[in-house]
Protein backbone atom coordinates (compact mmCIF):
# COMPACT_ATOMS: atom_id res chain seq x y z
CA MET A 1 0.00 0.02 -0.06
CA MET A 2 2.81 2.38 0.94
CA MET A 3 4.57 1.73 -2.36
CA PHE A 4 1.34 2.18 -4.37
CA ARG A 5 0.76 5.61 -2.60
CA PHE A 6 4.35 6.65 -3.49
CA SER A 7 4.10 5.62 -7.04
CA ILE A 8 0.77 7.59 -7.49
CA PHE A 9 2.49 10.59 -5.79
CA THR A 10 5.62 10.27 -7.95
CA ILE A 11 3.59 10.12 -11.33
CA LEU A 12 1.52 13.08 -10.31
CA THR A 13 4.63 15.03 -9.29
CA PHE A 14 6.38 14.26 -12.67
CA LEU A 15 3.28 15.41 -14.63
CA TYR A 16 2.83 18.53 -12.50
CA LEU A 17 6.41 19.63 -12.65
CA SER A 18 6.70 18.81 -16.36
CA HIS A 19 4.34 21.78 -17.12
CA LEU A 20 6.33 24.35 -15.29
CA PRO A 21 8.22 26.82 -17.45
CA ALA A 22 12.00 25.98 -17.72
CA ASN A 23 12.98 29.36 -16.12
CA GLU A 24 10.65 28.90 -13.07
CA PHE A 25 12.44 26.19 -11.21
CA PRO A 26 10.35 25.70 -7.95
CA LEU A 27 11.79 26.28 -4.52
CA ILE A 28 11.85 22.78 -3.05
CA SER A 29 12.43 20.68 0.03
CA THR A 30 13.00 17.31 -1.58
CA GLU A 31 15.20 16.14 1.30
CA SER A 32 11.98 15.52 3.14
CA ASP A 33 11.18 12.55 0.99
CA PRO A 34 13.73 9.79 1.27
CA ASP A 35 11.56 7.41 -0.94
CA ALA A 36 12.51 9.73 -3.89
CA PHE A 37 16.20 8.87 -3.69
CA ILE A 38 18.06 6.08 -5.30
CA GLN A 39 20.99 4.75 -3.18
CA ASN A 40 20.00 7.48 -0.66
CA SER A 41 21.62 9.98 -2.81
CA VAL A 42 20.02 10.54 -6.34
CA ASN A 43 16.78 12.50 -6.47
CA VAL A 44 14.79 10.94 -9.31
CA LEU A 45 12.50 13.94 -9.36
CA ASN A 46 15.13 16.48 -10.64
CA GLY A 47 18.34 14.43 -11.08
CA ASP A 48 20.25 16.11 -8.17
CA TYR A 49 22.73 14.41 -6.01
CA CYS A 50 21.62 14.70 -2.45
CA GLU A 51 22.99 13.27 0.78
CA SER A 52 22.17 13.25 4.44
CA SER A 53 24.57 12.23 7.04
CA THR A 54 24.18 11.83 10.88
CA ASP A 55 27.41 12.51 12.49
CA LEU A 56 26.39 12.58 16.14
CA VAL A 57 23.46 11.46 18.33
CA ILE A 58 23.62 12.27 21.98
CA ALA A 59 21.20 10.06 23.95
CA GLY A 60 18.67 11.51 26.38
CA PRO A 61 15.04 12.09 27.20
CA ASP A 62 15.21 13.83 23.73
CA ALA A 63 18.11 12.95 21.59
CA LEU A 64 20.37 15.72 20.57
CA VAL A 65 21.30 15.04 16.88
CA LEU A 66 23.89 16.60 14.55
CA GLN A 67 23.19 16.05 10.86
CA ARG A 68 24.50 17.58 7.67
CA PHE A 69 22.95 17.67 4.24
CA TYR A 70 24.35 18.07 0.74
CA SER A 71 22.55 18.95 -2.52
CA THR A 72 23.87 19.66 -5.87
CA LYS A 73 21.61 22.63 -6.37
CA ASN A 74 21.20 25.65 -4.14
CA PRO A 75 18.01 24.83 -2.12
CA VAL A 76 16.90 28.37 -1.93
CA THR A 77 16.97 29.20 -5.63
CA GLY A 78 16.68 25.73 -7.23
CA ASN A 79 19.70 26.41 -9.31
CA GLN A 80 23.27 27.58 -8.83
CA VAL A 81 25.86 25.40 -7.09
CA GLY A 82 24.72 23.83 -3.82
CA GLY A 83 26.79 22.48 -0.83
CA TRP A 84 26.80 21.25 2.63
CA ARG A 85 24.58 22.71 5.36
CA MET A 86 24.25 21.87 9.10
CA LEU A 87 21.28 22.82 11.29
CA PRO A 88 19.66 24.90 8.58
CA GLU A 89 16.88 25.84 10.99
CA ARG A 90 19.53 28.24 12.58
CA PHE A 91 18.65 31.06 10.21
CA LEU A 92 15.60 33.07 9.36
CA VAL A 93 15.43 35.99 6.81
CA MET A 94 12.35 38.06 6.30
CA GLY A 95 11.64 41.02 4.09
CA LYS A 96 9.24 42.69 1.75
CA ASP A 97 7.97 41.18 -1.30
CA PRO A 98 10.08 42.20 -4.52
CA ALA A 99 6.82 42.94 -6.44
CA GLY A 100 5.72 45.46 -3.91
CA LYS A 101 2.41 43.87 -3.25
CA SER A 102 0.30 45.90 -0.81
CA CYS A 103 -3.33 46.62 0.16
CA THR A 104 -5.52 48.71 2.43
CA VAL A 105 -7.96 47.17 4.96
CA GLY A 106 -10.03 49.87 6.56
CA GLU A 107 -7.45 52.53 7.44
CA GLU A 108 -4.56 50.04 7.80
CA GLN A 109 -2.04 49.72 5.15
CA LEU A 110 -0.62 46.15 4.59
CA GLU A 111 2.39 44.93 2.70
CA TRP A 112 3.19 41.34 1.54
CA VAL A 113 6.32 39.89 3.27
CA SER A 114 8.20 36.62 2.78
CA ALA A 115 10.48 34.74 5.10
CA PHE A 116 12.88 31.83 4.56
CA THR A 117 14.15 29.46 7.20
CA GLY A 118 15.44 25.88 7.29
CA GLU A 119 13.89 22.60 8.56
CA ARG A 120 15.59 19.78 10.47
CA SER A 121 15.00 17.59 7.43
CA GLY A 122 17.39 19.71 5.51
CA GLY A 123 15.22 21.82 3.32
CA ILE A 124 14.65 25.53 3.14
CA LEU A 125 11.03 26.58 3.43
CA PRO A 126 9.33 29.78 2.37
CA TYR A 127 6.64 31.64 4.49
CA CYS A 128 4.49 34.55 3.41
CA GLY A 129 1.56 36.75 4.45
CA TRP A 130 0.47 40.35 5.24
CA LYS A 131 2.14 42.67 7.58
CA SER A 132 1.04 46.17 8.57
CA MET A 133 3.44 48.82 7.39
CA ASN A 134 3.69 50.07 11.03
CA GLY A 135 5.34 46.80 11.61
CA THR A 136 2.65 44.72 13.38
CA MET A 137 1.48 41.37 12.20
CA ASN A 138 -2.09 40.49 12.89
CA ASP A 139 -1.97 36.96 11.14
CA PRO A 140 0.99 34.56 11.15
CA LEU A 141 2.93 33.95 8.00
CA LYS A 142 2.24 30.50 6.47
CA ILE A 143 3.62 28.26 3.62
CA ASP A 144 1.88 28.76 0.31
CA GLY A 145 2.57 25.34 -1.22
CA LEU A 146 0.69 26.21 -4.53
CA ASN A 147 2.48 29.41 -5.35
CA ASP A 148 5.66 29.77 -3.45
CA ALA A 149 6.75 26.19 -2.59
CA LEU A 150 6.12 24.13 -5.73
CA GLY A 151 7.48 20.65 -5.31
CA MET A 152 7.58 20.79 -1.64
CA VAL A 153 7.01 17.43 0.04
CA ASN A 154 4.78 17.89 3.13
CA THR A 155 5.87 14.77 5.04
CA TYR A 156 8.91 12.69 5.58
CA ALA A 157 9.48 9.34 7.19
CA GLU A 158 5.80 9.00 8.33
CA GLU A 159 2.25 9.08 6.97
CA ILE A 160 1.15 12.63 6.34
CA ASN A 161 -0.82 14.08 9.31
CA GLY A 162 -1.34 17.29 11.16
CA GLN A 163 1.93 17.05 12.93
CA THR A 164 4.20 16.28 9.85
CA ASN A 165 2.40 18.70 7.36
CA HIS A 166 4.67 21.68 6.89
CA GLN A 167 1.74 23.78 5.83
CA ASN A 168 0.51 23.78 9.45
CA ASN A 169 3.62 25.76 10.46
CA LEU A 170 2.90 29.31 11.66
CA LEU A 171 5.41 32.16 11.85
CA HIS A 172 4.64 35.14 14.20
CA CYS A 173 7.02 38.05 14.22
CA LYS A 174 6.93 41.13 16.45
CA ASP A 175 9.59 43.86 16.99
CA ASP A 176 13.01 41.94 17.25
CA ALA A 177 11.79 38.46 17.62
CA CYS A 178 9.94 35.70 15.64
CA LEU A 179 8.15 32.61 16.90
CA LEU A 180 7.81 29.58 14.69
CA THR A 181 5.31 26.94 15.65
CA LEU A 182 5.40 23.68 13.92
CA GLY A 183 2.60 21.18 13.52
CA ASP A 184 3.99 18.75 16.13
CA GLY A 185 4.01 21.56 18.77
CA THR A 186 7.65 22.51 18.65
CA GLN A 187 8.38 26.12 19.04
CA ARG A 188 11.35 28.00 17.73
CA ILE A 189 12.35 31.50 19.00
CA TYR A 190 14.41 33.65 16.72
CA GLN A 191 16.15 36.95 17.84
CA LYS A 192 17.00 39.67 15.36
CA THR A 193 20.67 40.10 14.38
CA ALA A 194 22.47 42.82 12.40
CA GLN A 195 24.01 40.20 9.96
CA LEU A 196 24.22 36.55 9.47
CA PRO A 197 27.60 34.75 8.65
CA SER A 198 28.06 33.45 5.15
CA LEU A 199 31.11 31.18 5.12
CA ILE A 200 30.65 27.59 6.06
CA LEU A 201 28.23 24.55 6.49
CA GLY A 202 25.10 26.25 5.15
CA GLU A 203 25.97 29.74 6.18
CA GLU A 204 26.49 30.53 2.54
CA LEU A 205 22.70 30.24 1.94
CA THR A 206 21.91 33.40 3.98
CA PRO A 207 22.95 35.89 1.05
CA TRP A 208 20.71 33.97 -1.23
CA MET A 209 17.77 34.05 1.31
CA ALA A 210 18.25 37.83 1.65
CA ALA A 211 18.29 38.28 -2.07
CA GLN A 212 14.83 36.94 -2.46
CA VAL A 213 13.34 39.97 -0.47
CA ILE A 214 13.72 43.72 -0.15
CA GLU A 215 15.09 45.28 3.06
CA PRO A 216 15.90 41.91 4.56
CA GLN A 217 15.88 41.35 8.27
CA CYS A 218 17.99 38.61 9.84
CA PHE A 219 17.27 36.37 12.71
CA HIS A 220 19.16 33.68 14.78
CA LEU A 221 17.50 30.73 16.23
CA THR A 222 18.09 31.08 20.02
CA GLN A 223 15.68 28.58 21.65
CA GLU A 224 13.64 25.59 20.57
CA ILE A 225 10.85 24.23 22.90
CA LEU A 226 10.17 20.63 22.24
CA PRO A 227 6.76 18.88 22.50
CA SER A 228 8.12 17.26 25.71
CA GLY A 229 8.82 20.58 27.25
CA ASN A 230 12.52 20.11 27.20
CA GLN A 231 14.36 23.18 25.61
CA ILE A 232 17.41 23.59 23.37
CA PHE A 233 19.43 26.67 23.57
CA PHE A 234 21.72 28.02 20.75
CA SER A 235 24.59 30.41 21.24
CA TYR A 236 26.88 32.16 18.76
CA ASP A 237 30.23 33.96 18.65
CA ALA A 238 30.78 37.50 17.57
CA GLU A 239 30.84 36.52 13.86
CA GLY A 240 27.61 34.65 14.09
CA HIS A 241 29.17 31.15 14.00
CA LEU A 242 27.45 28.53 16.18
CA LEU A 243 29.17 28.02 19.47
CA SER A 244 26.96 25.51 21.37
CA VAL A 245 23.69 23.61 21.30
CA GLU A 246 22.50 22.85 24.84
CA MET A 247 19.43 20.86 25.94
CA LYS A 248 17.86 21.63 29.25
CA ASN A 249 14.79 20.19 31.04
CA ARG A 250 11.41 22.01 31.12
CA SER A 251 12.31 24.09 34.16
CA GLU A 252 15.79 24.93 32.81
CA THR A 253 17.39 23.57 36.02
CA LYS A 254 19.27 20.70 34.55
CA VAL A 255 21.47 20.36 31.38
CA LEU A 256 20.68 17.14 29.66
CA SER A 257 23.22 17.21 26.88
CA TRP A 258 25.27 19.62 24.82
CA ILE A 259 27.39 20.04 21.69
CA ARG A 260 30.20 22.67 21.53
CA PHE A 261 31.99 24.10 18.48
CA THR A 262 35.31 25.80 18.00
CA TYR A 263 36.78 27.16 14.76
CA ASP A 264 40.22 27.35 13.33
CA PHE A 265 40.24 29.63 10.33
CA GLN A 266 43.40 29.65 8.35
CA ALA A 267 44.41 30.98 4.96
CA ALA A 268 43.89 27.72 3.30
CA GLY A 269 40.65 26.67 4.94
CA CYS A 270 38.96 26.07 8.30
CA GLN A 271 38.74 23.33 10.91
CA VAL A 272 35.58 22.86 12.97
CA HIS A 273 36.20 20.92 16.16
CA ILE A 274 33.17 19.48 17.91
CA GLU A 275 32.93 17.94 21.32
CA THR A 276 29.81 16.47 23.21
CA SER A 277 28.69 15.95 26.73
CA ASP A 278 29.00 12.28 26.30
CA GLY A 279 32.65 12.52 25.46
CA LYS A 280 32.52 12.26 21.65
CA THR A 281 34.73 14.41 19.39
CA LEU A 282 34.35 15.29 15.73
CA THR A 283 36.23 17.36 13.24
CA TYR A 284 35.14 18.90 9.93
CA HIS A 285 38.09 19.76 7.58
CA LEU A 286 37.07 22.46 5.11
CA VAL A 287 39.45 23.75 2.35
CA LEU A 288 39.10 27.24 0.72
CA GLU A 289 38.85 26.70 -3.15
CA GLN A 290 37.95 29.54 -5.50
CA ARG A 291 36.62 31.69 -2.60
CA ARG A 292 34.43 28.80 -1.41
CA TYR A 293 34.78 26.53 1.59
CA GLN A 294 34.51 22.85 0.60
CA LEU A 295 34.09 20.08 3.16
CA LYS A 296 37.02 17.77 2.43
CA ARG A 297 37.03 15.43 5.29
CA VAL A 298 35.12 14.35 8.41
CA GLU A 299 36.59 12.30 11.24
CA GLY A 300 36.00 11.75 14.84
CA SER A 301 35.96 9.35 17.91
CA HIS A 302 32.67 7.69 16.96
CA ALA A 303 32.44 8.48 13.19
CA ILE A 304 33.49 6.56 10.10
CA PRO A 305 36.09 8.78 8.44
CA VAL A 306 34.95 10.01 5.07
CA SER A 307 36.45 12.31 2.48
CA TYR A 308 35.02 14.24 -0.50
CA GLU A 309 36.24 15.50 -3.88
CA TYR A 310 34.58 18.19 -6.01
CA ALA A 311 34.52 19.57 -9.55
CA ALA A 312 32.05 22.39 -8.71
CA SER A 313 29.67 19.66 -7.46
CA LEU A 314 30.59 16.55 -5.41
CA VAL A 315 32.24 13.98 -7.62
CA LYS A 316 33.61 11.34 -5.17
CA LYS A 317 33.00 10.22 -1.67
CA THR A 318 35.76 7.92 -0.14
CA LEU A 319 35.30 5.62 2.84
CA PRO A 320 37.70 3.15 4.50
CA GLU A 321 38.65 -0.26 3.19
CA GLY A 322 38.61 0.85 -0.47
CA ARG A 323 34.91 1.76 -0.56
CA PHE A 324 33.96 4.79 -2.66
CA ILE A 325 31.05 6.45 -4.52
CA GLU A 326 31.77 8.35 -7.73
CA ILE A 327 29.18 10.74 -9.19
CA GLU A 328 29.12 11.42 -12.86
CA TYR A 329 27.02 14.18 -14.24
CA GLU A 330 25.55 15.06 -17.56
CA GLN A 331 23.83 18.52 -18.05
CA GLU A 332 23.92 19.00 -14.31
CA LYS A 333 22.00 15.80 -13.67
CA VAL A 334 23.37 12.64 -12.19
CA LYS A 335 24.27 10.29 -15.05
CA SER A 336 25.67 7.48 -13.04
CA LEU A 337 26.88 6.33 -9.68
CA LYS A 338 30.02 4.23 -9.57
CA GLY A 339 31.52 2.01 -6.96
CA PRO A 340 34.40 -0.54 -6.62
CA ASP A 341 34.15 -3.82 -8.36
CA ALA A 342 34.02 -6.60 -5.66
CA ILE A 343 37.05 -8.44 -7.18
CA SER A 344 39.25 -5.88 -8.73
CA GLY A 345 38.29 -2.81 -6.73
CA LYS A 346 38.15 -0.82 -9.98
CA SER A 347 35.39 1.68 -10.50
CA ILE A 348 32.34 0.36 -12.26
CA ILE A 349 28.82 1.71 -12.85
CA VAL A 350 26.44 0.66 -10.09
CA TYR A 351 23.42 2.82 -11.12
CA SER A 352 22.83 4.77 -14.40
CA PHE A 353 20.06 7.32 -15.08
CA SER A 354 18.33 8.72 -18.12
CA TYR A 355 15.76 11.52 -18.04
CA GLY A 356 12.72 12.25 -20.17
CA LYS A 357 10.15 15.01 -20.11
CA ASP A 358 7.86 13.03 -17.77
CA TYR A 359 10.11 10.23 -16.37
CA THR A 360 13.36 9.19 -14.82
CA SER A 361 14.80 5.66 -15.50
C-alpha cells in the first residue's frame, strides 16, 4: 500500500512539474522525501545528487542530533551550485515582497512579506503573508505550497498528518523576535541580528535568502521548545558562527546534553572541532577553493572517516577499506553512480540514469 501511494505521488509530481516553465524552477524541500532517492543519494524527481549524514547522536530524554545535508543545487533558488549545510533551521530571513504587493484594509495599510528558514530535514522553506506597514502582524505567515513552494514534500518518514504537514507551520513576528510553531507543537524562537555569517556549512545560503526579498531582516535561532517541554538553547560567537547547542529540562534547572563548536580559520581553509557532553569528538576539515569553503574530510571518535572530492559539485566520496562512490553528471543531472568492483576494486557503474520529459529511469 505504501509503495502504491508513493508511485501515484511520484507520477502526479512528474506530470505537474513537467508543465512548469523552464525558467521557473520551484523552490523545493525534496530532502523530506527519502523514498524519492536512489541509493539514498540521487533525487529521481530532478536528477540532483543529495546526501544526508548523521554525525552525532547524544542520547537522552530527547536525543540531540547533529546532521549535515548536501545537495547539488542551491535549495533556496533551485539552481546555482549547492553544498553542505548543518542545522539549517538556525537562520531566518524576512523582508518585503520584491513585487511591492500591498493593500488597504479599513485605514490600515498592509504589505506582503516573505520569510525563509530551514527545517531539520534539511530543506529551506518559504513563508509569506500580510504585515502592517507600521510593523505589526495580525496574522501569522504561512507556507503557500501552491504558489511559493512548488514541489515541496509535506511529510517525511511518516504518514502525512497534522503533525508532519509543513503547511501547518505558523510564523509570528513582532519587533526583534519571531516565533515559529510547527505542526508537532515544537516552538522555535528567533532573535534579530544585524548580520548573518556566510562562510561555512550552510551559512553561505543566507545571502541567497536575503536576495529573495527587499530590506531583509536577519534572525538567529536562540531557543527551541520541544513537545516534551525540554528546551534547546543555541549560542553564537561575535561573527555569528554557532558556538553551542545545549538541551535543558522543562524548568531549565538541569543540562541534559550539549554540543560545543570551536573554529580554526586559516588561509587555506578551516577546521571545525566539535565535542559533546558524552565524550565524543568530531572534526570537519574544510578547504578554501575559489573563494568557497568545501568540506573535504570528516573524522571523529565515533564516526566513520569520510573524504570528499569536488569539480564544482561533489564527484567522489571515499570511505575506509577501499569503498567509494563516484558521481558522474551530464547537463547538471546525475548520469551514473560508480563503486568498486567486488574483485578488482576498480570503478564500475552501479546505477545509471536517463531523463525524459515525464520520467526518470
